[in-house]
mmCIF file of all heavy atoms, coordinates in Angstrom:
data_MODEL
# 
_entry.id   MODEL 
# 
loop_
_atom_site.group_PDB 
_atom_site.id 
_atom_site.type_symbol 
_atom_site.label_atom_id 
_atom_site.label_alt_id 
_atom_site.label_comp_id 
_atom_site.label_asym_id 
_atom_site.label_entity_id 
_atom_site.label_seq_id 
_atom_site.pdbx_PDB_ins_code 
_atom_site.Cartn_x 
_atom_site.Cartn_y 
_atom_site.Cartn_z 
_atom_site.occupancy 
_atom_site.B_iso_or_equiv 
_atom_site.pdbx_formal_charge 
_atom_site.auth_seq_id 
_atom_site.auth_comp_id 
_atom_site.auth_asym_id 
_atom_site.auth_atom_id 
_atom_site.pdbx_PDB_model_num 
ATOM 1   N N   . THR A 1 1  ? 90.766 60.488 49.101 1.00 0.00 ? 1  THR A N   1 
ATOM 2   C CA  . THR A 1 1  ? 89.652 61.353 48.629 1.00 0.00 ? 1  THR A CA  1 
ATOM 3   C C   . THR A 1 1  ? 88.326 60.936 49.218 1.00 0.00 ? 1  THR A C   1 
ATOM 4   O O   . THR A 1 1  ? 87.539 61.777 49.671 1.00 0.00 ? 1  THR A O   1 
ATOM 5   C CB  . THR A 1 1  ? 89.596 61.351 47.105 1.00 0.00 ? 1  THR A CB  1 
ATOM 6   O OG1 . THR A 1 1  ? 90.859 61.886 46.603 1.00 0.00 ? 1  THR A OG1 1 
ATOM 7   C CG2 . THR A 1 1  ? 88.487 62.297 46.621 1.00 0.00 ? 1  THR A CG2 1 
ATOM 8   N N   . ILE A 1 2  ? 88.051 59.655 49.158 1.00 0.00 ? 2  ILE A N   1 
ATOM 9   C CA  . ILE A 1 2  ? 86.717 59.173 49.624 1.00 0.00 ? 2  ILE A CA  1 
ATOM 10  C C   . ILE A 1 2  ? 86.556 59.395 51.101 1.00 0.00 ? 2  ILE A C   1 
ATOM 11  O O   . ILE A 1 2  ? 85.521 59.921 51.574 1.00 0.00 ? 2  ILE A O   1 
ATOM 12  C CB  . ILE A 1 2  ? 86.585 57.685 49.294 1.00 0.00 ? 2  ILE A CB  1 
ATOM 13  C CG1 . ILE A 1 2  ? 86.470 57.497 47.765 1.00 0.00 ? 2  ILE A CG1 1 
ATOM 14  C CG2 . ILE A 1 2  ? 85.339 57.102 49.968 1.00 0.00 ? 2  ILE A CG2 1 
ATOM 15  C CD1 . ILE A 1 2  ? 86.337 56.045 47.327 1.00 0.00 ? 2  ILE A CD1 1 
ATOM 16  N N   . GLU A 1 3  ? 87.596 59.068 51.921 1.00 0.00 ? 3  GLU A N   1 
ATOM 17  C CA  . GLU A 1 3  ? 87.485 59.346 53.358 1.00 0.00 ? 3  GLU A CA  1 
ATOM 18  C C   . GLU A 1 3  ? 87.321 60.829 53.638 1.00 0.00 ? 3  GLU A C   1 
ATOM 19  O O   . GLU A 1 3  ? 86.571 61.198 54.526 1.00 0.00 ? 3  GLU A O   1 
ATOM 20  C CB  . GLU A 1 3  ? 88.750 58.811 54.033 1.00 0.00 ? 3  GLU A CB  1 
ATOM 21  C CG  . GLU A 1 3  ? 88.808 57.310 54.210 1.00 0.00 ? 3  GLU A CG  1 
ATOM 22  C CD  . GLU A 1 3  ? 90.018 56.886 55.026 1.00 0.00 ? 3  GLU A CD  1 
ATOM 23  O OE1 . GLU A 1 3  ? 90.843 57.756 55.408 1.00 0.00 ? 3  GLU A OE1 1 
ATOM 24  O OE2 . GLU A 1 3  ? 90.117 55.681 55.331 1.00 0.00 ? 3  GLU A OE2 1 
ATOM 25  N N   . SER A 1 4  ? 88.018 61.648 52.916 1.00 0.00 ? 4  SER A N   1 
ATOM 26  C CA  . SER A 1 4  ? 87.938 63.116 53.106 1.00 0.00 ? 4  SER A CA  1 
ATOM 27  C C   . SER A 1 4  ? 86.563 63.641 52.801 1.00 0.00 ? 4  SER A C   1 
ATOM 28  O O   . SER A 1 4  ? 86.011 64.475 53.527 1.00 0.00 ? 4  SER A O   1 
ATOM 29  C CB  . SER A 1 4  ? 88.975 63.809 52.218 1.00 0.00 ? 4  SER A CB  1 
ATOM 30  O OG  . SER A 1 4  ? 90.295 63.422 52.583 1.00 0.00 ? 4  SER A OG  1 
ATOM 31  N N   . MET A 1 5  ? 85.947 63.123 51.725 1.00 0.00 ? 5  MET A N   1 
ATOM 32  C CA  . MET A 1 5  ? 84.593 63.542 51.366 1.00 0.00 ? 5  MET A CA  1 
ATOM 33  C C   . MET A 1 5  ? 83.555 63.064 52.387 1.00 0.00 ? 5  MET A C   1 
ATOM 34  O O   . MET A 1 5  ? 82.718 63.823 52.815 1.00 0.00 ? 5  MET A O   1 
ATOM 35  C CB  . MET A 1 5  ? 84.255 62.975 49.992 1.00 0.00 ? 5  MET A CB  1 
ATOM 36  C CG  . MET A 1 5  ? 85.000 63.604 48.814 1.00 0.00 ? 5  MET A CG  1 
ATOM 37  S SD  . MET A 1 5  ? 84.563 62.872 47.250 1.00 0.00 ? 5  MET A SD  1 
ATOM 38  C CE  . MET A 1 5  ? 82.829 63.323 47.065 1.00 0.00 ? 5  MET A CE  1 
ATOM 39  N N   . GLN A 1 6  ? 83.692 61.812 52.843 1.00 0.00 ? 6  GLN A N   1 
ATOM 40  C CA  . GLN A 1 6  ? 82.751 61.286 53.819 1.00 0.00 ? 6  GLN A CA  1 
ATOM 41  C C   . GLN A 1 6  ? 82.852 62.040 55.115 1.00 0.00 ? 6  GLN A C   1 
ATOM 42  O O   . GLN A 1 6  ? 81.844 62.325 55.776 1.00 0.00 ? 6  GLN A O   1 
ATOM 43  C CB  . GLN A 1 6  ? 82.991 59.801 53.989 1.00 0.00 ? 6  GLN A CB  1 
ATOM 44  C CG  . GLN A 1 6  ? 82.553 58.949 52.841 1.00 0.00 ? 6  GLN A CG  1 
ATOM 45  C CD  . GLN A 1 6  ? 82.909 57.494 53.001 1.00 0.00 ? 6  GLN A CD  1 
ATOM 46  O OE1 . GLN A 1 6  ? 83.869 57.138 53.664 1.00 0.00 ? 6  GLN A OE1 1 
ATOM 47  N NE2 . GLN A 1 6  ? 82.098 56.639 52.354 1.00 0.00 ? 6  GLN A NE2 1 
ATOM 48  N N   . ALA A 1 7  ? 84.070 62.370 55.538 1.00 0.00 ? 7  ALA A N   1 
ATOM 49  C CA  . ALA A 1 7  ? 84.280 63.097 56.769 1.00 0.00 ? 7  ALA A CA  1 
ATOM 50  C C   . ALA A 1 7  ? 83.688 64.511 56.666 1.00 0.00 ? 7  ALA A C   1 
ATOM 51  O O   . ALA A 1 7  ? 83.012 65.006 57.594 1.00 0.00 ? 7  ALA A O   1 
ATOM 52  C CB  . ALA A 1 7  ? 85.762 63.173 57.127 1.00 0.00 ? 7  ALA A CB  1 
ATOM 53  N N   . GLY A 1 8  ? 83.915 65.158 55.548 1.00 0.00 ? 8  GLY A N   1 
ATOM 54  C CA  . GLY A 1 8  ? 83.391 66.494 55.342 1.00 0.00 ? 8  GLY A CA  1 
ATOM 55  C C   . GLY A 1 8  ? 81.877 66.512 55.338 1.00 0.00 ? 8  GLY A C   1 
ATOM 56  O O   . GLY A 1 8  ? 81.256 67.381 55.964 1.00 0.00 ? 8  GLY A O   1 
ATOM 57  N N   . ILE A 1 9  ? 81.282 65.593 54.627 1.00 0.00 ? 9  ILE A N   1 
ATOM 58  C CA  . ILE A 1 9  ? 79.835 65.526 54.490 1.00 0.00 ? 9  ILE A CA  1 
ATOM 59  C C   . ILE A 1 9  ? 79.193 65.200 55.858 1.00 0.00 ? 9  ILE A C   1 
ATOM 60  O O   . ILE A 1 9  ? 78.243 65.875 56.331 1.00 0.00 ? 9  ILE A O   1 
ATOM 61  C CB  . ILE A 1 9  ? 79.388 64.512 53.465 1.00 0.00 ? 9  ILE A CB  1 
ATOM 62  C CG1 . ILE A 1 9  ? 79.802 65.006 52.037 1.00 0.00 ? 9  ILE A CG1 1 
ATOM 63  C CG2 . ILE A 1 9  ? 77.895 64.225 53.501 1.00 0.00 ? 9  ILE A CG2 1 
ATOM 64  C CD1 . ILE A 1 9  ? 79.724 63.903 51.005 1.00 0.00 ? 9  ILE A CD1 1 
ATOM 65  N N   . TYR A 1 10 ? 79.743 64.171 56.528 1.00 0.00 ? 10 TYR A N   1 
ATOM 66  C CA  . TYR A 1 10 ? 79.119 63.691 57.728 1.00 0.00 ? 10 TYR A CA  1 
ATOM 67  C C   . TYR A 1 10 ? 79.311 64.604 58.901 1.00 0.00 ? 10 TYR A C   1 
ATOM 68  O O   . TYR A 1 10 ? 78.319 65.104 59.508 1.00 0.00 ? 10 TYR A O   1 
ATOM 69  C CB  . TYR A 1 10 ? 79.657 62.303 58.098 1.00 0.00 ? 10 TYR A CB  1 
ATOM 70  C CG  . TYR A 1 10 ? 79.012 61.631 59.304 1.00 0.00 ? 10 TYR A CG  1 
ATOM 71  C CD1 . TYR A 1 10 ? 77.779 61.065 59.229 1.00 0.00 ? 10 TYR A CD1 1 
ATOM 72  C CD2 . TYR A 1 10 ? 79.680 61.666 60.544 1.00 0.00 ? 10 TYR A CD2 1 
ATOM 73  C CE1 . TYR A 1 10 ? 77.155 60.480 60.292 1.00 0.00 ? 10 TYR A CE1 1 
ATOM 74  C CE2 . TYR A 1 10 ? 79.066 61.060 61.644 1.00 0.00 ? 10 TYR A CE2 1 
ATOM 75  C CZ  . TYR A 1 10 ? 77.831 60.482 61.526 1.00 0.00 ? 10 TYR A CZ  1 
ATOM 76  O OH  . TYR A 1 10 ? 77.226 59.934 62.636 1.00 0.00 ? 10 TYR A OH  1 
ATOM 77  N N   . PHE A 1 11 ? 80.518 64.889 59.252 1.00 0.00 ? 11 PHE A N   1 
ATOM 78  C CA  . PHE A 1 11 ? 80.820 65.734 60.426 1.00 0.00 ? 11 PHE A CA  1 
ATOM 79  C C   . PHE A 1 11 ? 80.418 67.232 60.169 1.00 0.00 ? 11 PHE A C   1 
ATOM 80  O O   . PHE A 1 11 ? 80.004 67.914 61.056 1.00 0.00 ? 11 PHE A O   1 
ATOM 81  C CB  . PHE A 1 11 ? 82.303 65.693 60.814 1.00 0.00 ? 11 PHE A CB  1 
ATOM 82  C CG  . PHE A 1 11 ? 82.701 64.319 61.336 1.00 0.00 ? 11 PHE A CG  1 
ATOM 83  C CD1 . PHE A 1 11 ? 83.685 63.585 60.691 1.00 0.00 ? 11 PHE A CD1 1 
ATOM 84  C CD2 . PHE A 1 11 ? 82.080 63.758 62.422 1.00 0.00 ? 11 PHE A CD2 1 
ATOM 85  C CE1 . PHE A 1 11 ? 84.022 62.330 61.176 1.00 0.00 ? 11 PHE A CE1 1 
ATOM 86  C CE2 . PHE A 1 11 ? 82.426 62.527 62.925 1.00 0.00 ? 11 PHE A CE2 1 
ATOM 87  C CZ  . PHE A 1 11 ? 83.401 61.803 62.273 1.00 0.00 ? 11 PHE A CZ  1 
ATOM 88  N N   . GLY A 1 12 ? 80.547 67.634 58.910 1.00 0.00 ? 12 GLY A N   1 
ATOM 89  C CA  . GLY A 1 12 ? 80.080 68.981 58.578 1.00 0.00 ? 12 GLY A CA  1 
ATOM 90  C C   . GLY A 1 12 ? 78.574 69.126 58.731 1.00 0.00 ? 12 GLY A C   1 
ATOM 91  O O   . GLY A 1 12 ? 78.108 70.158 59.214 1.00 0.00 ? 12 GLY A O   1 
ATOM 92  N N   . TYR A 1 13 ? 77.868 68.105 58.381 1.00 0.00 ? 13 TYR A N   1 
ATOM 93  C CA  . TYR A 1 13 ? 76.396 68.160 58.497 1.00 0.00 ? 13 TYR A CA  1 
ATOM 94  C C   . TYR A 1 13 ? 75.935 68.149 59.948 1.00 0.00 ? 13 TYR A C   1 
ATOM 95  O O   . TYR A 1 13 ? 75.067 68.888 60.362 1.00 0.00 ? 13 TYR A O   1 
ATOM 96  C CB  . TYR A 1 13 ? 75.719 66.996 57.769 1.00 0.00 ? 13 TYR A CB  1 
ATOM 97  C CG  . TYR A 1 13 ? 74.308 67.337 57.343 1.00 0.00 ? 13 TYR A CG  1 
ATOM 98  C CD1 . TYR A 1 13 ? 74.079 68.067 56.177 1.00 0.00 ? 13 TYR A CD1 1 
ATOM 99  C CD2 . TYR A 1 13 ? 73.263 66.950 58.112 1.00 0.00 ? 13 TYR A CD2 1 
ATOM 100 C CE1 . TYR A 1 13 ? 72.778 68.389 55.844 1.00 0.00 ? 13 TYR A CE1 1 
ATOM 101 C CE2 . TYR A 1 13 ? 71.930 67.292 57.735 1.00 0.00 ? 13 TYR A CE2 1 
ATOM 102 C CZ  . TYR A 1 13 ? 71.743 67.996 56.577 1.00 0.00 ? 13 TYR A CZ  1 
ATOM 103 O OH  . TYR A 1 13 ? 70.442 68.338 56.274 1.00 0.00 ? 13 TYR A OH  1 
ATOM 104 N N   . ILE A 1 14 ? 76.591 67.329 60.775 1.00 0.00 ? 14 ILE A N   1 
ATOM 105 C CA  . ILE A 1 14 ? 76.277 67.292 62.210 1.00 0.00 ? 14 ILE A CA  1 
ATOM 106 C C   . ILE A 1 14 ? 76.576 68.636 62.803 1.00 0.00 ? 14 ILE A C   1 
ATOM 107 O O   . ILE A 1 14 ? 75.786 69.131 63.656 1.00 0.00 ? 14 ILE A O   1 
ATOM 108 C CB  . ILE A 1 14 ? 77.071 66.132 62.876 1.00 0.00 ? 14 ILE A CB  1 
ATOM 109 C CG1 . ILE A 1 14 ? 76.523 64.782 62.459 1.00 0.00 ? 14 ILE A CG1 1 
ATOM 110 C CG2 . ILE A 1 14 ? 77.007 66.294 64.409 1.00 0.00 ? 14 ILE A CG2 1 
ATOM 111 C CD1 . ILE A 1 14 ? 77.365 63.634 62.858 1.00 0.00 ? 14 ILE A CD1 1 
ATOM 112 N N   . GLY A 1 15 ? 77.696 69.243 62.447 1.00 0.00 ? 15 GLY A N   1 
ATOM 113 C CA  . GLY A 1 15 ? 78.025 70.534 62.974 1.00 0.00 ? 15 GLY A CA  1 
ATOM 114 C C   . GLY A 1 15 ? 76.994 71.585 62.593 1.00 0.00 ? 15 GLY A C   1 
ATOM 115 O O   . GLY A 1 15 ? 76.620 72.411 63.459 1.00 0.00 ? 15 GLY A O   1 
ATOM 116 N N   . MET A 1 16 ? 76.479 71.543 61.388 1.00 0.00 ? 16 MET A N   1 
ATOM 117 C CA  . MET A 1 16 ? 75.439 72.450 60.951 1.00 0.00 ? 16 MET A CA  1 
ATOM 118 C C   . MET A 1 16 ? 74.180 72.257 61.725 1.00 0.00 ? 16 MET A C   1 
ATOM 119 O O   . MET A 1 16 ? 73.543 73.203 62.201 1.00 0.00 ? 16 MET A O   1 
ATOM 120 C CB  . MET A 1 16 ? 75.130 72.247 59.447 1.00 0.00 ? 16 MET A CB  1 
ATOM 121 C CG  . MET A 1 16 ? 74.039 73.151 58.899 1.00 0.00 ? 16 MET A CG  1 
ATOM 122 S SD  . MET A 1 16 ? 73.264 72.558 57.397 1.00 0.00 ? 16 MET A SD  1 
ATOM 123 C CE  . MET A 1 16 ? 72.239 71.203 58.053 1.00 0.00 ? 16 MET A CE  1 
ATOM 124 N N   . VAL A 1 17 ? 73.774 70.992 61.908 1.00 0.00 ? 17 VAL A N   1 
ATOM 125 C CA  . VAL A 1 17 ? 72.529 70.726 62.662 1.00 0.00 ? 17 VAL A CA  1 
ATOM 126 C C   . VAL A 1 17 ? 72.612 71.237 64.096 1.00 0.00 ? 17 VAL A C   1 
ATOM 127 O O   . VAL A 1 17 ? 71.702 71.932 64.576 1.00 0.00 ? 17 VAL A O   1 
ATOM 128 C CB  . VAL A 1 17 ? 72.272 69.196 62.668 1.00 0.00 ? 17 VAL A CB  1 
ATOM 129 C CG1 . VAL A 1 17 ? 71.177 68.849 63.665 1.00 0.00 ? 17 VAL A CG1 1 
ATOM 130 C CG2 . VAL A 1 17 ? 71.866 68.733 61.280 1.00 0.00 ? 17 VAL A CG2 1 
ATOM 131 N N   . ASP A 1 18 ? 73.671 70.915 64.761 1.00 0.00 ? 18 ASP A N   1 
ATOM 132 C CA  . ASP A 1 18 ? 73.835 71.371 66.168 1.00 0.00 ? 18 ASP A CA  1 
ATOM 133 C C   . ASP A 1 18 ? 73.902 72.883 66.298 1.00 0.00 ? 18 ASP A C   1 
ATOM 134 O O   . ASP A 1 18 ? 73.364 73.472 67.256 1.00 0.00 ? 18 ASP A O   1 
ATOM 135 C CB  . ASP A 1 18 ? 75.053 70.729 66.795 1.00 0.00 ? 18 ASP A CB  1 
ATOM 136 C CG  . ASP A 1 18 ? 74.799 69.309 67.246 1.00 0.00 ? 18 ASP A CG  1 
ATOM 137 O OD1 . ASP A 1 18 ? 73.665 68.827 67.133 1.00 0.00 ? 18 ASP A OD1 1 
ATOM 138 O OD2 . ASP A 1 18 ? 75.742 68.592 67.646 1.00 0.00 ? 18 ASP A OD2 1 
ATOM 139 N N   . GLU A 1 19 ? 74.565 73.545 65.352 1.00 0.00 ? 19 GLU A N   1 
ATOM 140 C CA  . GLU A 1 19 ? 74.661 74.993 65.431 1.00 0.00 ? 19 GLU A CA  1 
ATOM 141 C C   . GLU A 1 19 ? 73.320 75.696 65.164 1.00 0.00 ? 19 GLU A C   1 
ATOM 142 O O   . GLU A 1 19 ? 72.978 76.675 65.799 1.00 0.00 ? 19 GLU A O   1 
ATOM 143 C CB  . GLU A 1 19 ? 75.697 75.487 64.396 1.00 0.00 ? 19 GLU A CB  1 
ATOM 144 C CG  . GLU A 1 19 ? 75.853 77.023 64.290 1.00 0.00 ? 19 GLU A CG  1 
ATOM 145 C CD  . GLU A 1 19 ? 76.317 77.665 65.599 1.00 0.00 ? 19 GLU A CD  1 
ATOM 146 O OE1 . GLU A 1 19 ? 76.758 76.932 66.544 1.00 0.00 ? 19 GLU A OE1 1 
ATOM 147 O OE2 . GLU A 1 19 ? 76.249 78.879 65.672 1.00 0.00 ? 19 GLU A OE2 1 
ATOM 148 N N   . ILE A 1 20 ? 72.556 75.165 64.221 1.00 0.00 ? 20 ILE A N   1 
ATOM 149 C CA  . ILE A 1 20 ? 71.238 75.725 63.978 1.00 0.00 ? 20 ILE A CA  1 
ATOM 150 C C   . ILE A 1 20 ? 70.339 75.566 65.216 1.00 0.00 ? 20 ILE A C   1 
ATOM 151 O O   . ILE A 1 20 ? 69.687 76.525 65.623 1.00 0.00 ? 20 ILE A O   1 
ATOM 152 C CB  . ILE A 1 20 ? 70.581 75.034 62.776 1.00 0.00 ? 20 ILE A CB  1 
ATOM 153 C CG1 . ILE A 1 20 ? 71.280 75.470 61.473 1.00 0.00 ? 20 ILE A CG1 1 
ATOM 154 C CG2 . ILE A 1 20 ? 69.086 75.356 62.701 1.00 0.00 ? 20 ILE A CG2 1 
ATOM 155 C CD1 . ILE A 1 20 ? 70.797 74.754 60.242 1.00 0.00 ? 20 ILE A CD1 1 
ATOM 156 N N   . ILE A 1 21 ? 70.397 74.413 65.832 1.00 0.00 ? 21 ILE A N   1 
ATOM 157 C CA  . ILE A 1 21 ? 69.599 74.203 67.035 1.00 0.00 ? 21 ILE A CA  1 
ATOM 158 C C   . ILE A 1 21 ? 70.022 75.155 68.134 1.00 0.00 ? 21 ILE A C   1 
ATOM 159 O O   . ILE A 1 21 ? 69.198 75.755 68.858 1.00 0.00 ? 21 ILE A O   1 
ATOM 160 C CB  . ILE A 1 21 ? 69.699 72.733 67.537 1.00 0.00 ? 21 ILE A CB  1 
ATOM 161 C CG1 . ILE A 1 21 ? 69.075 71.786 66.519 1.00 0.00 ? 21 ILE A CG1 1 
ATOM 162 C CG2 . ILE A 1 21 ? 69.061 72.544 68.878 1.00 0.00 ? 21 ILE A CG2 1 
ATOM 163 C CD1 . ILE A 1 21 ? 69.336 70.322 66.774 1.00 0.00 ? 21 ILE A CD1 1 
ATOM 164 N N   . ARG A 1 22 ? 71.341 75.311 68.308 1.00 0.00 ? 22 ARG A N   1 
ATOM 165 C CA  . ARG A 1 22 ? 71.865 76.234 69.372 1.00 0.00 ? 22 ARG A CA  1 
ATOM 166 C C   . ARG A 1 22 ? 71.373 77.660 69.134 1.00 0.00 ? 22 ARG A C   1 
ATOM 167 O O   . ARG A 1 22 ? 70.949 78.322 70.057 1.00 0.00 ? 22 ARG A O   1 
ATOM 168 C CB  . ARG A 1 22 ? 73.413 76.228 69.298 1.00 0.00 ? 22 ARG A CB  1 
ATOM 169 C CG  . ARG A 1 22 ? 74.033 77.087 70.440 1.00 0.00 ? 22 ARG A CG  1 
ATOM 170 C CD  . ARG A 1 22 ? 75.501 77.312 70.171 1.00 0.00 ? 22 ARG A CD  1 
ATOM 171 N NE  . ARG A 1 22 ? 75.708 78.250 69.059 1.00 0.00 ? 22 ARG A NE  1 
ATOM 172 C CZ  . ARG A 1 22 ? 75.533 79.567 69.116 1.00 0.00 ? 22 ARG A CZ  1 
ATOM 173 N NH1 . ARG A 1 22 ? 75.159 80.159 70.260 1.00 0.00 ? 22 ARG A NH1 1 
ATOM 174 N NH2 . ARG A 1 22 ? 75.753 80.308 68.064 1.00 0.00 ? 22 ARG A NH2 1 
ATOM 175 N N   . ARG A 1 23 ? 71.378 78.068 67.887 1.00 0.00 ? 23 ARG A N   1 
ATOM 176 C CA  . ARG A 1 23 ? 70.975 79.468 67.575 1.00 0.00 ? 23 ARG A CA  1 
ATOM 177 C C   . ARG A 1 23 ? 69.471 79.652 67.783 1.00 0.00 ? 23 ARG A C   1 
ATOM 178 O O   . ARG A 1 23 ? 69.011 80.686 68.243 1.00 0.00 ? 23 ARG A O   1 
ATOM 179 C CB  . ARG A 1 23 ? 71.326 79.805 66.143 1.00 0.00 ? 23 ARG A CB  1 
ATOM 180 C CG  . ARG A 1 23 ? 72.826 80.086 65.928 1.00 0.00 ? 23 ARG A CG  1 
ATOM 181 C CD  . ARG A 1 23 ? 73.132 80.402 64.474 1.00 0.00 ? 23 ARG A CD  1 
ATOM 182 N NE  . ARG A 1 23 ? 74.566 80.717 64.346 1.00 0.00 ? 23 ARG A NE  1 
ATOM 183 C CZ  . ARG A 1 23 ? 75.038 81.958 64.385 1.00 0.00 ? 23 ARG A CZ  1 
ATOM 184 N NH1 . ARG A 1 23 ? 74.232 82.979 64.613 1.00 0.00 ? 23 ARG A NH1 1 
ATOM 185 N NH2 . ARG A 1 23 ? 76.352 82.188 64.221 1.00 0.00 ? 23 ARG A NH2 1 
ATOM 186 N N   . MET A 1 24 ? 68.690 78.604 67.433 1.00 0.00 ? 24 MET A N   1 
ATOM 187 C CA  . MET A 1 24 ? 67.245 78.710 67.643 1.00 0.00 ? 24 MET A CA  1 
ATOM 188 C C   . MET A 1 24 ? 66.887 78.742 69.143 1.00 0.00 ? 24 MET A C   1 
ATOM 189 O O   . MET A 1 24 ? 66.015 79.542 69.596 1.00 0.00 ? 24 MET A O   1 
ATOM 190 C CB  . MET A 1 24 ? 66.553 77.508 66.981 1.00 0.00 ? 24 MET A CB  1 
ATOM 191 C CG  . MET A 1 24 ? 66.576 77.542 65.469 1.00 0.00 ? 24 MET A CG  1 
ATOM 192 S SD  . MET A 1 24 ? 65.777 76.131 64.690 1.00 0.00 ? 24 MET A SD  1 
ATOM 193 C CE  . MET A 1 24 ? 64.053 76.439 65.014 1.00 0.00 ? 24 MET A CE  1 
ATOM 194 N N   . ILE A 1 25 ? 67.610 77.976 69.957 1.00 0.00 ? 25 ILE A N   1 
ATOM 195 C CA  . ILE A 1 25 ? 67.373 78.042 71.377 1.00 0.00 ? 25 ILE A CA  1 
ATOM 196 C C   . ILE A 1 25 ? 67.729 79.364 71.960 1.00 0.00 ? 25 ILE A C   1 
ATOM 197 O O   . ILE A 1 25 ? 67.043 79.956 72.757 1.00 0.00 ? 25 ILE A O   1 
ATOM 198 C CB  . ILE A 1 25 ? 68.160 76.889 72.079 1.00 0.00 ? 25 ILE A CB  1 
ATOM 199 C CG1 . ILE A 1 25 ? 67.577 75.488 71.656 1.00 0.00 ? 25 ILE A CG1 1 
ATOM 200 C CG2 . ILE A 1 25 ? 68.058 77.055 73.602 1.00 0.00 ? 25 ILE A CG2 1 
ATOM 201 C CD1 . ILE A 1 25 ? 68.345 74.325 72.212 1.00 0.00 ? 25 ILE A CD1 1 
ATOM 202 N N   . GLU A 1 26 ? 68.893 79.841 71.520 1.00 0.00 ? 26 GLU A N   1 
ATOM 203 C CA  . GLU A 1 26 ? 69.341 81.164 72.017 1.00 0.00 ? 26 GLU A CA  1 
ATOM 204 C C   . GLU A 1 26 ? 68.373 82.277 71.634 1.00 0.00 ? 26 GLU A C   1 
ATOM 205 O O   . GLU A 1 26 ? 68.062 83.129 72.449 1.00 0.00 ? 26 GLU A O   1 
ATOM 206 C CB  . GLU A 1 26 ? 70.715 81.454 71.395 1.00 0.00 ? 26 GLU A CB  1 
ATOM 207 C CG  . GLU A 1 26 ? 71.311 82.771 71.832 1.00 0.00 ? 26 GLU A CG  1 
ATOM 208 C CD  . GLU A 1 26 ? 72.674 83.021 71.200 1.00 0.00 ? 26 GLU A CD  1 
ATOM 209 O OE1 . GLU A 1 26 ? 73.536 82.106 71.190 1.00 0.00 ? 26 GLU A OE1 1 
ATOM 210 O OE2 . GLU A 1 26 ? 72.904 84.172 70.703 1.00 0.00 ? 26 GLU A OE2 1 
ATOM 211 N N   . GLU A 1 27 ? 67.847 82.208 70.408 1.00 0.00 ? 27 GLU A N   1 
ATOM 212 C CA  . GLU A 1 27 ? 66.906 83.229 69.963 1.00 0.00 ? 27 GLU A CA  1 
ATOM 213 C C   . GLU A 1 27 ? 65.593 83.118 70.638 1.00 0.00 ? 27 GLU A C   1 
ATOM 214 O O   . GLU A 1 27 ? 64.871 84.126 70.863 1.00 0.00 ? 27 GLU A O   1 
ATOM 215 C CB  . GLU A 1 27 ? 66.751 83.084 68.424 1.00 0.00 ? 27 GLU A CB  1 
ATOM 216 C CG  . GLU A 1 27 ? 66.019 84.286 67.786 1.00 0.00 ? 27 GLU A CG  1 
ATOM 217 C CD  . GLU A 1 27 ? 66.099 84.163 66.294 1.00 0.00 ? 27 GLU A CD  1 
ATOM 218 O OE1 . GLU A 1 27 ? 67.176 83.993 65.728 1.00 0.00 ? 27 GLU A OE1 1 
ATOM 219 O OE2 . GLU A 1 27 ? 65.007 84.266 65.657 1.00 0.00 ? 27 GLU A OE2 1 
ATOM 220 N N   . SER A 1 28 ? 65.208 81.938 71.044 1.00 0.00 ? 28 SER A N   1 
ATOM 221 C CA  . SER A 1 28 ? 63.947 81.752 71.698 1.00 0.00 ? 28 SER A CA  1 
ATOM 222 C C   . SER A 1 28 ? 63.885 82.347 73.111 1.00 0.00 ? 28 SER A C   1 
ATOM 223 O O   . SER A 1 28 ? 62.810 82.637 73.684 1.00 0.00 ? 28 SER A O   1 
ATOM 224 C CB  . SER A 1 28 ? 63.546 80.258 71.823 1.00 0.00 ? 28 SER A CB  1 
ATOM 225 O OG  . SER A 1 28 ? 64.389 79.600 72.814 1.00 0.00 ? 28 SER A OG  1 
ATOM 226 N N   . LYS A 1 29 ? 65.102 82.495 73.735 1.00 0.00 ? 29 LYS A N   1 
ATOM 227 C CA  . LYS A 1 29 ? 65.242 83.006 75.130 1.00 0.00 ? 29 LYS A CA  1 
ATOM 228 C C   . LYS A 1 29 ? 64.544 82.079 76.148 1.00 0.00 ? 29 LYS A C   1 
ATOM 229 O O   . LYS A 1 29 ? 64.182 82.545 77.204 1.00 0.00 ? 29 LYS A O   1 
ATOM 230 C CB  . LYS A 1 29 ? 64.695 84.413 75.235 1.00 0.00 ? 29 LYS A CB  1 
ATOM 231 C CG  . LYS A 1 29 ? 65.467 85.410 74.403 1.00 0.00 ? 29 LYS A CG  1 
ATOM 232 C CD  . LYS A 1 29 ? 64.960 86.838 74.547 1.00 0.00 ? 29 LYS A CD  1 
ATOM 233 C CE  . LYS A 1 29 ? 65.836 87.862 73.906 1.00 0.00 ? 29 LYS A CE  1 
ATOM 234 N NZ  . LYS A 1 29 ? 65.993 87.668 72.445 1.00 0.00 ? 29 LYS A NZ  1 
ATOM 235 N N   . GLU A 1 30 ? 64.377 80.841 75.765 1.00 0.00 ? 30 GLU A N   1 
ATOM 236 C CA  . GLU A 1 30 ? 63.839 79.840 76.698 1.00 0.00 ? 30 GLU A CA  1 
ATOM 237 C C   . GLU A 1 30 ? 64.952 79.012 77.287 1.00 0.00 ? 30 GLU A C   1 
ATOM 238 O O   . GLU A 1 30 ? 65.904 78.663 76.588 1.00 0.00 ? 30 GLU A O   1 
ATOM 239 C CB  . GLU A 1 30 ? 62.823 78.929 75.979 1.00 0.00 ? 30 GLU A CB  1 
ATOM 240 C CG  . GLU A 1 30 ? 61.587 79.611 75.510 1.00 0.00 ? 30 GLU A CG  1 
ATOM 241 C CD  . GLU A 1 30 ? 60.563 79.895 76.577 1.00 0.00 ? 30 GLU A CD  1 
ATOM 242 O OE1 . GLU A 1 30 ? 60.838 79.478 77.738 1.00 0.00 ? 30 GLU A OE1 1 
ATOM 243 O OE2 . GLU A 1 30 ? 59.507 80.532 76.299 1.00 0.00 ? 30 GLU A OE2 1 
# 
C-alpha cells in the first residue's frame, strides 16, 4: 500500500506537471 501510494503521488504529479507545460507551450504557438 505504501509503495503504491508513493508511486501514484510522485509519478502522477510529474505526469501532471509535464502535461500542463506541454499544453501551455502548444497553446502559445511559440
